[in-house]
Amino acid sequence: IGLPDGQTAGPLLIIAGAGSGKTNTLAHRV
């Protein structure tokens, strides 16, 4: 987020272990 000239980041894989706050992290990213 915040790349110059309107660029969009490449692919990202978030490996989220059990109970690691996966939903909270994804909601914060959106």
Full PDB file with SEQRES, HELIX, SHEET, SSBOND, CRYST1, ORIGX, SCALE, CONECT and MASTER records, all heavy atoms in Angstrom:
SEQRES   1 A   30  ILE GLY LEU PRO ASP GLY GLN THR ALA GLY PRO LEU LEU          
SEQRES   2 A   30  ILE ILE ALA GLY ALA GLY SER GLY LYS THR ASN THR LEU          
SEQRES   3 A   30  ALA HIS ARG VAL                                              
HELIX    1 AA1 PRO A    4  GLY A    6  5                                   3    
HELIX    2 AA2 LYS A   22  ARG A   29  1                                   8    
CRYST1    1.000    1.000    1.000  90.00  90.00  90.00 P 1           1          
ORIGX1      1.000000  0.000000  0.000000        0.00000                         
ORIGX2      0.000000  1.000000  0.000000        0.00000                         
ORIGX3      0.000000  0.000000  1.000000        0.00000                         
SCALE1      1.000000  0.000000  0.000000        0.00000                         
SCALE2      0.000000  1.000000  0.000000        0.00000                         
SCALE3      0.000000  0.000000  1.000000        0.00000                         
ATOM      1  N   ILE A   1       0.850  -1.184   0.000  1.00  0.00           N  
ATOM      2  CA  ILE A   1       0.000   0.000   0.000  1.00  0.00           C  
ATOM      3  C   ILE A   1       0.889   1.238   0.000  1.00  0.00           C  
ATOM      4  O   ILE A   1       1.880   1.323   0.725  1.00  0.00           O  
ATOM      5  CB  ILE A   1      -0.938   0.002   1.219  1.00  0.00           C  
ATOM      6  CG1 ILE A   1      -1.904  -1.189   1.123  1.00  0.00           C  
ATOM      7  CG2 ILE A   1      -1.731   1.308   1.307  1.00  0.00           C  
ATOM      8  CD1 ILE A   1      -2.835  -1.333   2.299  1.00  0.00           C  
ATOM      9  N   GLY A   2       0.526   2.204  -0.838  1.00  0.00           N  
ATOM     10  CA  GLY A   2       1.295   3.436  -0.902  1.00  0.00           C  
ATOM     11  C   GLY A   2       2.388   3.406  -1.947  1.00  0.00           C  
ATOM     12  O   GLY A   2       3.326   4.211  -1.903  1.00  0.00           O  
ATOM     13  N   LEU A   3       2.292   2.470  -2.905  1.00  0.00           N  
ATOM     14  CA  LEU A   3       3.285   2.439  -3.981  1.00  0.00           C  
ATOM     15  C   LEU A   3       3.105   3.657  -4.885  1.00  0.00           C  
ATOM     16  O   LEU A   3       1.985   4.155  -5.061  1.00  0.00           O  
ATOM     17  CB  LEU A   3       3.139   1.152  -4.803  1.00  0.00           C  
ATOM     18  CG  LEU A   3       3.486  -0.162  -4.084  1.00  0.00           C  
ATOM     19  CD1 LEU A   3       3.190  -1.345  -4.995  1.00  0.00           C  
ATOM     20  CD2 LEU A   3       4.950  -0.184  -3.658  1.00  0.00           C  
ATOM     21  N   PRO A   4       4.161   4.143  -5.505  1.00  0.00           N  
ATOM     22  CA  PRO A   4       4.056   5.351  -6.341  1.00  0.00           C  
ATOM     23  C   PRO A   4       3.304   5.107  -7.644  1.00  0.00           C  
ATOM     24  O   PRO A   4       3.188   3.980  -8.117  1.00  0.00           O  
ATOM     25  CB  PRO A   4       5.529   5.694  -6.624  1.00  0.00           C  
ATOM     26  CG  PRO A   4       6.264   4.393  -6.491  1.00  0.00           C  
ATOM     27  CD  PRO A   4       5.539   3.629  -5.415  1.00  0.00           C  
ATOM     28  N   ASP A   5       2.782   6.221  -8.195  1.00  0.00           N  
ATOM     29  CA  ASP A   5       2.149   6.220  -9.529  1.00  0.00           C  
ATOM     30  C   ASP A   5       1.006   5.234  -9.653  1.00  0.00           C  
ATOM     31  O   ASP A   5       0.784   4.629 -10.704  1.00  0.00           O  
ATOM     32  CB  ASP A   5       3.195   5.917 -10.617  1.00  0.00           C  
ATOM     33  CG  ASP A   5       4.336   6.926 -10.607  1.00  0.00           C  
ATOM     34  OD1 ASP A   5       4.059   8.115 -10.327  1.00  0.00           O  
ATOM     35  OD2 ASP A   5       5.479   6.505 -10.850  1.00  0.00           O  
ATOM     36  N   GLY A   6       0.269   5.051  -8.581  1.00  0.00           N  
ATOM     37  CA  GLY A   6      -0.910   4.185  -8.629  1.00  0.00           C  
ATOM     38  C   GLY A   6      -0.611   2.728  -8.855  1.00  0.00           C  
ATOM     39  O   GLY A   6      -1.480   1.953  -9.269  1.00  0.00           O  
ATOM     40  N   GLN A   7       0.624   2.296  -8.596  1.00  0.00           N  
ATOM     41  CA  GLN A   7       0.978   0.892  -8.791  1.00  0.00           C  
ATOM     42  C   GLN A   7       0.266   0.020  -7.753  1.00  0.00           C  
ATOM     43  O   GLN A   7      -0.005   0.447  -6.642  1.00  0.00           O  
ATOM     44  CB  GLN A   7       2.495   0.711  -8.660  1.00  0.00           C  
ATOM     45  CG  GLN A   7       3.306   1.412  -9.727  1.00  0.00           C  
ATOM     46  CD  GLN A   7       4.795   1.242  -9.489  1.00  0.00           C  
ATOM     47  OE1 GLN A   7       5.232   0.199  -8.990  1.00  0.00           O  
ATOM     48  NE2 GLN A   7       5.573   2.249  -9.832  1.00  0.00           N  
ATOM     49  N   THR A   8      -0.021  -1.218  -8.136  1.00  0.00           N  
ATOM     50  CA  THR A   8      -0.657  -2.171  -7.226  1.00  0.00           C  
ATOM     51  C   THR A   8       0.321  -3.295  -6.927  1.00  0.00           C  
ATOM     52  O   THR A   8       1.016  -3.783  -7.822  1.00  0.00           O  
ATOM     53  CB  THR A   8      -1.933  -2.763  -7.862  1.00  0.00           C  
ATOM     54  OG1 THR A   8      -2.792  -1.689  -8.231  1.00  0.00           O  
ATOM     55  CG2 THR A   8      -2.676  -3.641  -6.867  1.00  0.00           C  
ATOM     56  N   ALA A   9       0.368  -3.692  -5.681  1.00  0.00           N  
ATOM     57  CA  ALA A   9       1.318  -4.721  -5.260  1.00  0.00           C  
ATOM     58  C   ALA A   9       1.041  -6.052  -5.933  1.00  0.00           C  
ATOM     59  O   ALA A   9      -0.071  -6.342  -6.369  1.00  0.00           O  
ATOM     60  CB  ALA A   9       1.255  -4.889  -3.749  1.00  0.00           C  
ATOM     61  N   GLY A  10       2.097  -6.854  -6.009  1.00  0.00           N  
ATOM     62  CA  GLY A  10       1.971  -8.192  -6.571  1.00  0.00           C  
ATOM     63  C   GLY A  10       1.263  -9.133  -5.621  1.00  0.00           C  
ATOM     64  O   GLY A  10       0.757  -8.727  -4.564  1.00  0.00           O  
ATOM     65  N   PRO A  11       1.218 -10.420  -5.942  1.00  0.00           N  
ATOM     66  CA  PRO A  11       0.456 -11.382  -5.140  1.00  0.00           C  
ATOM     67  C   PRO A  11       1.033 -11.563  -3.735  1.00  0.00           C  
ATOM     68  O   PRO A  11       2.255 -11.531  -3.547  1.00  0.00           O  
ATOM     69  CB  PRO A  11       0.565 -12.672  -5.951  1.00  0.00           C  
ATOM     70  CG  PRO A  11       1.806 -12.509  -6.775  1.00  0.00           C  
ATOM     71  CD  PRO A  11       1.888 -11.050  -7.082  1.00  0.00           C  
ATOM     72  N   LEU A  12       0.140 -11.783  -2.771  1.00  0.00           N  
ATOM     73  CA  LEU A  12       0.533 -11.975  -1.369  1.00  0.00           C  
ATOM     74  C   LEU A  12      -0.191 -13.191  -0.812  1.00  0.00           C  
ATOM     75  O   LEU A  12      -1.410 -13.328  -0.961  1.00  0.00           O  
ATOM     76  CB  LEU A  12       0.174 -10.741  -0.538  1.00  0.00           C  
ATOM     77  CG  LEU A  12       0.330 -10.871   0.988  1.00  0.00           C  
ATOM     78  CD1 LEU A  12       1.796 -11.092   1.364  1.00  0.00           C  
ATOM     79  CD2 LEU A  12      -0.237  -9.644   1.693  1.00  0.00           C  
ATOM     80  N   LEU A  13       0.561 -14.076  -0.167  1.00  0.00           N  
ATOM     81  CA  LEU A  13      -0.011 -15.214   0.557  1.00  0.00           C  
ATOM     82  C   LEU A  13       0.218 -14.988   2.049  1.00  0.00           C  
ATOM     83  O   LEU A  13       1.358 -14.828   2.492  1.00  0.00           O  
ATOM     84  CB  LEU A  13       0.662 -16.521   0.106  1.00  0.00           C  
ATOM     85  CG  LEU A  13       0.379 -17.766   0.966  1.00  0.00           C  
ATOM     86  CD1 LEU A  13      -1.103 -18.101   0.982  1.00  0.00           C  
ATOM     87  CD2 LEU A  13       1.194 -18.964   0.465  1.00  0.00           C  
ATOM     88  N   ILE A  14      -0.875 -14.955   2.810  1.00  0.00           N  
ATOM     89  CA  ILE A  14      -0.785 -14.829   4.263  1.00  0.00           C  
ATOM     90  C   ILE A  14      -1.070 -16.204   4.861  1.00  0.00           C  
ATOM     91  O   ILE A  14      -2.196 -16.709   4.769  1.00  0.00           O  
ATOM     92  CB  ILE A  14      -1.784 -13.798   4.812  1.00  0.00           C  
ATOM     93  CG1 ILE A  14      -1.566 -12.427   4.158  1.00  0.00           C  
ATOM     94  CG2 ILE A  14      -1.662 -13.681   6.334  1.00  0.00           C  
ATOM     95  CD1 ILE A  14      -2.614 -11.384   4.532  1.00  0.00           C  
ATOM     96  N   ILE A  15      -0.038 -16.842   5.417  1.00  0.00           N  
ATOM     97  CA  ILE A  15      -0.221 -18.119   6.104  1.00  0.00           C  
ATOM     98  C   ILE A  15      -0.638 -17.797   7.537  1.00  0.00           C  
ATOM     99  O   ILE A  15       0.155 -17.285   8.327  1.00  0.00           O  
ATOM    100  CB  ILE A  15       1.070 -18.954   6.084  1.00  0.00           C  
ATOM    101  CG1 ILE A  15       1.426 -19.344   4.647  1.00  0.00           C  
ATOM    102  CG2 ILE A  15       0.927 -20.203   6.949  1.00  0.00           C  
ATOM    103  CD1 ILE A  15       0.421 -20.279   3.997  1.00  0.00           C  
ATOM    104  N   ALA A  16      -1.881 -18.060   7.859  1.00  0.00           N  
ATOM    105  CA  ALA A  16      -2.448 -17.663   9.152  1.00  0.00           C  
ATOM    106  C   ALA A  16      -2.731 -18.901   9.984  1.00  0.00           C  
ATOM    107  O   ALA A  16      -3.676 -19.649   9.708  1.00  0.00           O  
ATOM    108  CB  ALA A  16      -3.732 -16.856   8.940  1.00  0.00           C  
ATOM    109  N   GLY A  17      -1.906 -19.144  10.981  1.00  0.00           N  
ATOM    110  CA  GLY A  17      -2.100 -20.296  11.859  1.00  0.00           C  
ATOM    111  C   GLY A  17      -3.390 -20.210  12.650  1.00  0.00           C  
ATOM    112  O   GLY A  17      -4.010 -19.140  12.757  1.00  0.00           O  
ATOM    113  N   ALA A  18      -3.804 -21.326  13.219  1.00  0.00           N  
ATOM    114  CA  ALA A  18      -5.036 -21.374  14.009  1.00  0.00           C  
ATOM    115  C   ALA A  18      -4.985 -20.345  15.132  1.00  0.00           C  
ATOM    116  O   ALA A  18      -3.979 -20.234  15.839  1.00  0.00           O  
ATOM    117  CB  ALA A  18      -5.221 -22.773  14.594  1.00  0.00           C  
ATOM    118  N   GLY A  19      -6.069 -19.574  15.270  1.00  0.00           N  
ATOM    119  CA  GLY A  19      -6.162 -18.615  16.364  1.00  0.00           C  
ATOM    120  C   GLY A  19      -5.227 -17.433  16.252  1.00  0.00           C  
ATOM    121  O   GLY A  19      -4.978 -16.742  17.240  1.00  0.00           O  
ATOM    122  N   SER A  20      -4.730 -17.148  15.043  1.00  0.00           N  
ATOM    123  CA  SER A  20      -3.734 -16.085  14.884  1.00  0.00           C  
ATOM    124  C   SER A  20      -4.336 -14.744  14.483  1.00  0.00           C  
ATOM    125  O   SER A  20      -3.608 -13.813  14.147  1.00  0.00           O  
ATOM    126  CB  SER A  20      -2.689 -16.499  13.838  1.00  0.00           C  
ATOM    127  OG  SER A  20      -3.292 -16.661  12.561  1.00  0.00           O  
ATOM    128  N   GLY A  21      -5.657 -14.623  14.509  1.00  0.00           N  
ATOM    129  CA  GLY A  21      -6.286 -13.352  14.159  1.00  0.00           C  
ATOM    130  C   GLY A  21      -6.410 -13.137  12.668  1.00  0.00           C  
ATOM    131  O   GLY A  21      -6.319 -12.024  12.164  1.00  0.00           O  
ATOM    132  N   LYS A  22      -6.677 -14.214  11.932  1.00  0.00           N  
ATOM    133  CA  LYS A  22      -6.755 -14.165  10.466  1.00  0.00           C  
ATOM    134  C   LYS A  22      -7.838 -13.202   9.984  1.00  0.00           C  
ATOM    135  O   LYS A  22      -7.579 -12.324   9.149  1.00  0.00           O  
ATOM    136  CB  LYS A  22      -7.042 -15.579   9.941  1.00  0.00           C  
ATOM    137  CG  LYS A  22      -7.456 -15.650   8.488  1.00  0.00           C  
ATOM    138  CD  LYS A  22      -7.740 -17.059   8.072  1.00  0.00           C  
ATOM    139  CE  LYS A  22      -8.921 -17.657   8.792  1.00  0.00           C  
ATOM    140  NZ  LYS A  22     -10.210 -17.044   8.391  1.00  0.00           N  
ATOM    141  N   THR A  23      -9.047 -13.354  10.513  1.00  0.00           N  
ATOM    142  CA  THR A  23     -10.163 -12.516  10.056  1.00  0.00           C  
ATOM    143  C   THR A  23      -9.904 -11.051  10.377  1.00  0.00           C  
ATOM    144  O   THR A  23     -10.166 -10.163   9.559  1.00  0.00           O  
ATOM    145  CB  THR A  23     -11.476 -12.979  10.716  1.00  0.00           C  
ATOM    146  OG1 THR A  23     -11.678 -14.363  10.418  1.00  0.00           O  
ATOM    147  CG2 THR A  23     -12.655 -12.179  10.204  1.00  0.00           C  
ATOM    148  N   ASN A  24      -9.362 -10.797  11.559  1.00  0.00           N  
ATOM    149  CA  ASN A  24      -9.057  -9.426  11.960  1.00  0.00           C  
ATOM    150  C   ASN A  24      -8.014  -8.811  11.032  1.00  0.00           C  
ATOM    151  O   ASN A  24      -8.119  -7.644  10.635  1.00  0.00           O  
ATOM    152  CB  ASN A  24      -8.543  -9.431  13.406  1.00  0.00           C  
ATOM    153  CG  ASN A  24      -8.441  -8.047  13.992  1.00  0.00           C  
ATOM    154  OD1 ASN A  24      -9.312  -7.200  13.799  1.00  0.00           O  
ATOM    155  ND2 ASN A  24      -7.367  -7.785  14.712  1.00  0.00           N  
ATOM    156  N   THR A  25      -7.015  -9.596  10.657  1.00  0.00           N  
ATOM    157  CA  THR A  25      -5.956  -9.105   9.770  1.00  0.00           C  
ATOM    158  C   THR A  25      -6.510  -8.790   8.389  1.00  0.00           C  
ATOM    159  O   THR A  25      -6.213  -7.736   7.801  1.00  0.00           O  
ATOM    160  CB  THR A  25      -4.826 -10.145   9.658  1.00  0.00           C  
ATOM    161  OG1 THR A  25      -4.310 -10.418  10.967  1.00  0.00           O  
ATOM    162  CG2 THR A  25      -3.708  -9.654   8.765  1.00  0.00           C  
ATOM    163  N   LEU A  26      -7.332  -9.685   7.854  1.00  0.00           N  
ATOM    164  CA  LEU A  26      -7.892  -9.478   6.522  1.00  0.00           C  
ATOM    165  C   LEU A  26      -8.813  -8.253   6.508  1.00  0.00           C  
ATOM    166  O   LEU A  26      -8.776  -7.447   5.571  1.00  0.00           O  
ATOM    167  CB  LEU A  26      -8.650 -10.728   6.076  1.00  0.00           C  
ATOM    168  CG  LEU A  26      -9.043 -10.802   4.594  1.00  0.00           C  
ATOM    169  CD1 LEU A  26      -7.814 -10.706   3.702  1.00  0.00           C  
ATOM    170  CD2 LEU A  26      -9.800 -12.091   4.307  1.00  0.00           C  
ATOM    171  N   ALA A  27      -9.630  -8.099   7.556  1.00  0.00           N  
ATOM    172  CA  ALA A  27     -10.522  -6.938   7.642  1.00  0.00           C  
ATOM    173  C   ALA A  27      -9.712  -5.638   7.715  1.00  0.00           C  
ATOM    174  O   ALA A  27     -10.063  -4.631   7.077  1.00  0.00           O  
ATOM    175  CB  ALA A  27     -11.430  -7.067   8.862  1.00  0.00           C  
ATOM    176  N   HIS A  28      -8.628  -5.651   8.490  1.00  0.00           N  
ATOM    177  CA  HIS A  28      -7.781  -4.462   8.571  1.00  0.00           C  
ATOM    178  C   HIS A  28      -7.132  -4.152   7.225  1.00  0.00           C  
ATOM    179  O   HIS A  28      -6.962  -2.976   6.867  1.00  0.00           O  
ATOM    180  CB  HIS A  28      -6.694  -4.653   9.643  1.00  0.00           C  
ATOM    181  CG  HIS A  28      -7.115  -4.236  11.014  1.00  0.00           C  
ATOM    182  ND1 HIS A  28      -7.853  -5.056  11.850  1.00  0.00           N  
ATOM    183  CD2 HIS A  28      -6.922  -3.069  11.703  1.00  0.00           C  
ATOM    184  CE1 HIS A  28      -8.070  -4.423  12.998  1.00  0.00           C  
ATOM    185  NE2 HIS A  28      -7.527  -3.214  12.936  1.00  0.00           N  
ATOM    186  N   ARG A  29      -6.770  -5.175   6.486  1.00  0.00           N  
ATOM    187  CA  ARG A  29      -6.156  -4.921   5.169  1.00  0.00           C  
ATOM    188  C   ARG A  29      -7.159  -4.250   4.227  1.00  0.00           C  
ATOM    189  O   ARG A  29      -6.823  -3.286   3.539  1.00  0.00           O  
ATOM    190  CB  ARG A  29      -5.622  -6.217   4.553  1.00  0.00           C  
ATOM    191  CG  ARG A  29      -5.020  -6.014   3.158  1.00  0.00           C  
ATOM    192  CD  ARG A  29      -4.061  -7.121   2.757  1.00  0.00           C  
ATOM    193  NE  ARG A  29      -3.574  -6.959   1.392  1.00  0.00           N  
ATOM    194  CZ  ARG A  29      -2.611  -6.107   1.029  1.00  0.00           C  
ATOM    195  NH1 ARG A  29      -2.044  -5.336   1.932  1.00  0.00           N  
ATOM    196  NH2 ARG A  29      -2.216  -6.030  -0.234  1.00  0.00           N  
ATOM    197  N   VAL A  30      -8.396  -4.753   4.209  1.00  0.00           N  
ATOM    198  CA  VAL A  30      -9.420  -4.143   3.352  1.00  0.00           C  
ATOM    199  C   VAL A  30      -9.671  -2.697   3.783  1.00  0.00           C  
ATOM    200  O   VAL A  30      -9.727  -1.779   2.950  1.00  0.00           O  
ATOM    201  CB  VAL A  30     -10.728  -4.958   3.404  1.00  0.00           C  
ATOM    202  CG1 VAL A  30     -11.831  -4.252   2.616  1.00  0.00           C  
ATOM    203  CG2 VAL A  30     -10.509  -6.358   2.860  1.00  0.00           C  
TER     204      VAL A  30                                                      
MASTER        0    0    0    2    0    0    0    6  203    1    0    3          
END                                                                             
